[in-house]
Structure formats: C-alpha cells, structure tokens
Amino acid sequence: QVQLVESGGGLVQAGGSLRLSCAASGRTFSDLAMGWFRQAPGRERQFVAAISWSGSGITTNYADSVKGRFTISRDNAKNTVYLQMTSLRPEDTAVYYCAEDIFGLGGKNPSDYEYWGQGTQVSVPS
C-alpha cells in the first residue's frame, strides 16, 4: 500500500521560509517522479514543483510563480521528497500536497499522479 505523509507546514510571516517533507512508503522510491501541488480555498489544485529521475540525472520543474523561491529535492535513502520554500508571500497560502507519479514523468497536471498525501497547511498572513 502506497502512503505519502506530508509534514512541515505552518504559519510564517511574509518573507520567511519553510521546508515541507513528504515521506513515501510502499514502493521503490527512486523509480518514481514526485510532485508538489497546492490548493487554496475556492481554487483548483495548482502545480508547484516536480522532480524525476532518469539515466541522465535528476530533472526538476517549477511553476513560474515559485521559480527562484522554492526548491524541490529528494533523498532516496530516506524515501523523502522536500520542498524548501523561501521568500514566502501571502499568495503562497494553501494546503500543500505531495503526489507520486508511478510512470516517472513528473508532469504538471494533477491527473499525471496516481497517489496523494493528505496535505499540510501553509499560511502566510498579509
């Protein structure tokens, strides 16, 4: 049974930083692509970042709104993917979800991902 568990969310002032973690179990982690998405109240789930592994190395993708501020990384030994968030803004406020793509592509569409965590709240008051 695949399980994804996010942690690290919280309340942070604008300009601050947080690091989200997503621990995965139930599958060979290194073969997968992992993504982070977020969903604010009344809005659709939005792509944030993805990381995938291929023979040529690690590939990362970011939404334009977070480029230069967020960094996705993974520790295959710990079966964990991270999202380091810096220079946080009020518009980053959302529930953040990690997701697993068993086909290893790491796309930007939520439908590309087969498994999801329960989410962790990030709040950046204005």
C-alpha atoms as a PDB file:
ATOM      1  CA  GLN A   1       0.000   0.000   0.000  1.00  0.00           C
ATOM      2  CA  VAL A   2       1.480   3.327  -1.085  1.00  0.00           C
ATOM      3  CA  GLN A   3       1.415   6.002   1.571  1.00  0.00           C
ATOM      4  CA  LEU A   4       2.567   9.610   1.388  1.00  0.00           C
ATOM      5  CA  VAL A   5       2.775  11.690   4.541  1.00  0.00           C
ATOM      6  CA  GLU A   6       3.498  15.421   4.399  1.00  0.00           C
ATOM      7  CA  SER A   7       4.841  17.487   7.265  1.00  0.00           C
ATOM      8  CA  GLY A   8       6.419  20.857   7.904  1.00  0.00           C
ATOM      9  CA  GLY A   9       3.557  23.224   7.220  1.00  0.00           C
ATOM     10  CA  GLY A  10       2.675  26.100   9.500  1.00  0.00           C
ATOM     11  CA  LEU A  11       2.219  29.815   9.911  1.00  0.00           C
ATOM     12  CA  VAL A  12       5.061  32.011   8.713  1.00  0.00           C
ATOM     13  CA  GLN A  13       5.408  35.732   8.142  1.00  0.00           C
ATOM     14  CA  ALA A  14       5.835  37.109   4.649  1.00  0.00           C
ATOM     15  CA  GLY A  15       9.453  36.809   3.568  1.00  0.00           C
ATOM     16  CA  GLY A  16      10.021  33.789   5.767  1.00  0.00           C
ATOM     17  CA  SER A  17      10.884  30.192   4.941  1.00  0.00           C
ATOM     18  CA  LEU A  18       9.504  26.724   5.485  1.00  0.00           C
ATOM     19  CA  ARG A  19      10.605  23.260   4.466  1.00  0.00           C
ATOM     20  CA  LEU A  20       7.961  20.699   3.662  1.00  0.00           C
ATOM     21  CA  SER A  21       8.714  16.990   3.754  1.00  0.00           C
ATOM     22  CA  CYS A  22       6.908  14.079   2.171  1.00  0.00           C
ATOM     23  CA  ALA A  23       7.759  10.587   3.371  1.00  0.00           C
ATOM     24  CA  ALA A  24       6.815   7.803   0.987  1.00  0.00           C
ATOM     25  CA  SER A  25       6.348   4.131   1.745  1.00  0.00           C
ATOM     26  CA  GLY A  26       5.165   1.044  -0.062  1.00  0.00           C
ATOM     27  CA  ARG A  27       7.133   1.342  -3.297  1.00  0.00           C
ATOM     28  CA  THR A  28      10.628   1.631  -4.723  1.00  0.00           C
ATOM     29  CA  PHE A  29      11.001   5.362  -4.345  1.00  0.00           C
ATOM     30  CA  SER A  30      13.869   6.001  -6.722  1.00  0.00           C
ATOM     31  CA  ASP A  31      11.888   4.893  -9.789  1.00  0.00           C
ATOM     32  CA  LEU A  32       9.189   7.462  -9.304  1.00  0.00           C
ATOM     33  CA  ALA A  33       8.568  11.083 -10.056  1.00  0.00           C
ATOM     34  CA  MET A  34       7.280  13.159  -7.181  1.00  0.00           C
ATOM     35  CA  GLY A  35       5.405  16.413  -7.279  1.00  0.00           C
ATOM     36  CA  TRP A  36       4.148  19.143  -5.008  1.00  0.00           C
ATOM     37  CA  PHE A  37       0.809  20.811  -5.601  1.00  0.00           C
ATOM     38  CA  ARG A  38      -1.172  23.345  -3.638  1.00  0.00           C
ATOM     39  CA  GLN A  39      -4.788  24.281  -3.282  1.00  0.00           C
ATOM     40  CA  ALA A  40      -6.153  27.490  -1.851  1.00  0.00           C
ATOM     41  CA  PRO A  41      -9.806  27.791  -0.752  1.00  0.00           C
ATOM     42  CA  GLY A  42     -12.128  28.073  -3.732  1.00  0.00           C
ATOM     43  CA  ARG A  43      -9.355  27.418  -6.229  1.00  0.00           C
ATOM     44  CA  GLU A  44      -8.223  24.452  -8.296  1.00  0.00           C
ATOM     45  CA  ARG A  45      -5.257  22.361  -7.305  1.00  0.00           C
ATOM     46  CA  GLN A  46      -2.157  24.029  -8.717  1.00  0.00           C
ATOM     47  CA  PHE A  47       1.208  22.595  -9.756  1.00  0.00           C
ATOM     48  CA  VAL A  48       4.155  23.810  -7.697  1.00  0.00           C
ATOM     49  CA  ALA A  49       7.170  21.610  -8.462  1.00  0.00           C
ATOM     50  CA  ALA A  50       8.168  18.142  -9.593  1.00  0.00           C
ATOM     51  CA  ILE A  51      11.289  16.022  -9.518  1.00  0.00           C
ATOM     52  CA  SER A  52      12.069  12.957 -11.593  1.00  0.00           C
ATOM     53  CA  TRP A  53      14.979  10.632 -12.113  1.00  0.00           C
ATOM     54  CA  SER A  54      16.358   9.300 -15.378  1.00  0.00           C
ATOM     55  CA  GLY A  55      19.600   7.898 -16.649  1.00  0.00           C
ATOM     56  CA  SER A  56      20.827  11.413 -17.355  1.00  0.00           C
ATOM     57  CA  GLY A  57      20.196  12.549 -13.797  1.00  0.00           C
ATOM     58  CA  ILE A  58      17.604  14.461 -11.863  1.00  0.00           C
ATOM     59  CA  THR A  59      15.095  16.739 -13.588  1.00  0.00           C
ATOM     60  CA  THR A  60      13.135  19.410 -11.771  1.00  0.00           C
ATOM     61  CA  ASN A  61      10.267  21.585 -12.920  1.00  0.00           C
ATOM     62  CA  TYR A  62       8.679  24.576 -11.236  1.00  0.00           C
ATOM     63  CA  ALA A  63       5.649  26.729 -11.640  1.00  0.00           C
ATOM     64  CA  ASP A  64       6.591  30.214 -12.788  1.00  0.00           C
ATOM     65  CA  SER A  65       5.147  31.681  -9.602  1.00  0.00           C
ATOM     66  CA  VAL A  66       7.672  29.854  -7.409  1.00  0.00           C
ATOM     67  CA  LYS A  67      10.798  29.780  -9.587  1.00  0.00           C
ATOM     68  CA  GLY A  68      13.773  31.155  -7.743  1.00  0.00           C
ATOM     69  CA  ARG A  69      11.990  30.885  -4.370  1.00  0.00           C
ATOM     70  CA  PHE A  70      11.159  27.192  -3.975  1.00  0.00           C
ATOM     71  CA  THR A  71      13.459  24.203  -4.356  1.00  0.00           C
ATOM     72  CA  ILE A  72      12.371  20.589  -4.668  1.00  0.00           C
ATOM     73  CA  SER A  73      14.774  17.825  -3.718  1.00  0.00           C
ATOM     74  CA  ARG A  74      14.721  14.163  -2.787  1.00  0.00           C
ATOM     75  CA  ASP A  75      16.603  11.789  -0.554  1.00  0.00           C
ATOM     76  CA  ASN A  76      16.158   8.304  -1.995  1.00  0.00           C
ATOM     77  CA  ALA A  77      17.784   6.674   1.025  1.00  0.00           C
ATOM     78  CA  LYS A  78      15.074   8.171   3.236  1.00  0.00           C
ATOM     79  CA  ASN A  79      12.257   7.840   0.674  1.00  0.00           C
ATOM     80  CA  THR A  80      11.569  11.503   1.222  1.00  0.00           C
ATOM     81  CA  VAL A  81      10.981  14.486  -1.030  1.00  0.00           C
ATOM     82  CA  TYR A  82      11.348  18.049   0.219  1.00  0.00           C
ATOM     83  CA  LEU A  83      10.073  21.446  -0.778  1.00  0.00           C
ATOM     84  CA  GLN A  84      12.207  24.283   0.526  1.00  0.00           C
ATOM     85  CA  MET A  85      10.195  27.478   0.366  1.00  0.00           C
ATOM     86  CA  THR A  86      11.790  30.887   0.800  1.00  0.00           C
ATOM     87  CA  SER A  87      10.622  34.475   0.385  1.00  0.00           C
ATOM     88  CA  LEU A  88       7.101  33.342   1.153  1.00  0.00           C
ATOM     89  CA  ARG A  89       4.212  35.553   0.126  1.00  0.00           C
ATOM     90  CA  PRO A  90       0.576  35.718   1.218  1.00  0.00           C
ATOM     91  CA  GLU A  91      -0.433  34.238  -2.155  1.00  0.00           C
ATOM     92  CA  ASP A  92       1.518  31.086  -1.239  1.00  0.00           C
ATOM     93  CA  THR A  93      -1.093  30.335   1.410  1.00  0.00           C
ATOM     94  CA  ALA A  94      -2.665  26.966   0.608  1.00  0.00           C
ATOM     95  CA  VAL A  95      -2.806  23.320   1.530  1.00  0.00           C
ATOM     96  CA  TYR A  96       0.267  21.698   0.022  1.00  0.00           C
ATOM     97  CA  TYR A  97       0.083  18.129  -1.250  1.00  0.00           C
ATOM     98  CA  CYS A  98       2.783  15.776  -2.387  1.00  0.00           C
ATOM     99  CA  ALA A  99       1.981  13.293  -5.118  1.00  0.00           C
ATOM    100  CA  GLU A 100       3.556  10.269  -6.710  1.00  0.00           C
ATOM    101  CA  ASP A 101       3.776   9.546 -10.431  1.00  0.00           C
ATOM    102  CA  ILE A 102       4.398   5.841 -10.880  1.00  0.00           C
ATOM    103  CA  PHE A 103       5.367   6.378 -14.528  1.00  0.00           C
ATOM    104  CA  GLY A 104       8.232   8.649 -13.542  1.00  0.00           C
ATOM    105  CA  LEU A 105       7.367  11.587 -15.788  1.00  0.00           C
ATOM    106  CA  GLY A 106       6.755  14.351 -13.249  1.00  0.00           C
ATOM    107  CA  GLY A 107       4.171  16.327 -15.191  1.00  0.00           C
ATOM    108  CA  LYS A 108       2.351  19.494 -14.227  1.00  0.00           C
ATOM    109  CA  ASN A 109      -1.176  18.126 -14.322  1.00  0.00           C
ATOM    110  CA  PRO A 110      -2.700  16.595 -11.189  1.00  0.00           C
ATOM    111  CA  SER A 111      -4.086  13.783 -13.350  1.00  0.00           C
ATOM    112  CA  ASP A 112      -0.489  12.695 -14.055  1.00  0.00           C
ATOM    113  CA  TYR A 113      -0.169  11.498 -10.456  1.00  0.00           C
ATOM    114  CA  GLU A 114      -1.602   8.343  -9.004  1.00  0.00           C
ATOM    115  CA  TYR A 115      -1.126   8.739  -5.256  1.00  0.00           C
ATOM    116  CA  TRP A 116      -1.550  11.715  -2.963  1.00  0.00           C
ATOM    117  CA  GLY A 117      -0.790  12.666   0.593  1.00  0.00           C
ATOM    118  CA  GLN A 118      -3.284  14.214   2.974  1.00  0.00           C
ATOM    119  CA  GLY A 119      -1.835  17.716   2.686  1.00  0.00           C
ATOM    120  CA  THR A 120      -0.221  20.201   5.035  1.00  0.00           C
ATOM    121  CA  GLN A 121      -1.376  23.785   5.575  1.00  0.00           C
ATOM    122  CA  VAL A 122       0.928  26.685   4.829  1.00  0.00           C
ATOM    123  CA  SER A 123      -0.295  30.100   5.918  1.00  0.00           C
ATOM    124  CA  VAL A 124       1.405  33.390   5.139  1.00  0.00           C
ATOM    125  CA  PRO A 125      -0.658  36.252   6.540  1.00  0.00           C
ATOM    126  CA  SER A 126      -0.708  39.566   4.722  1.00  0.00           C
END
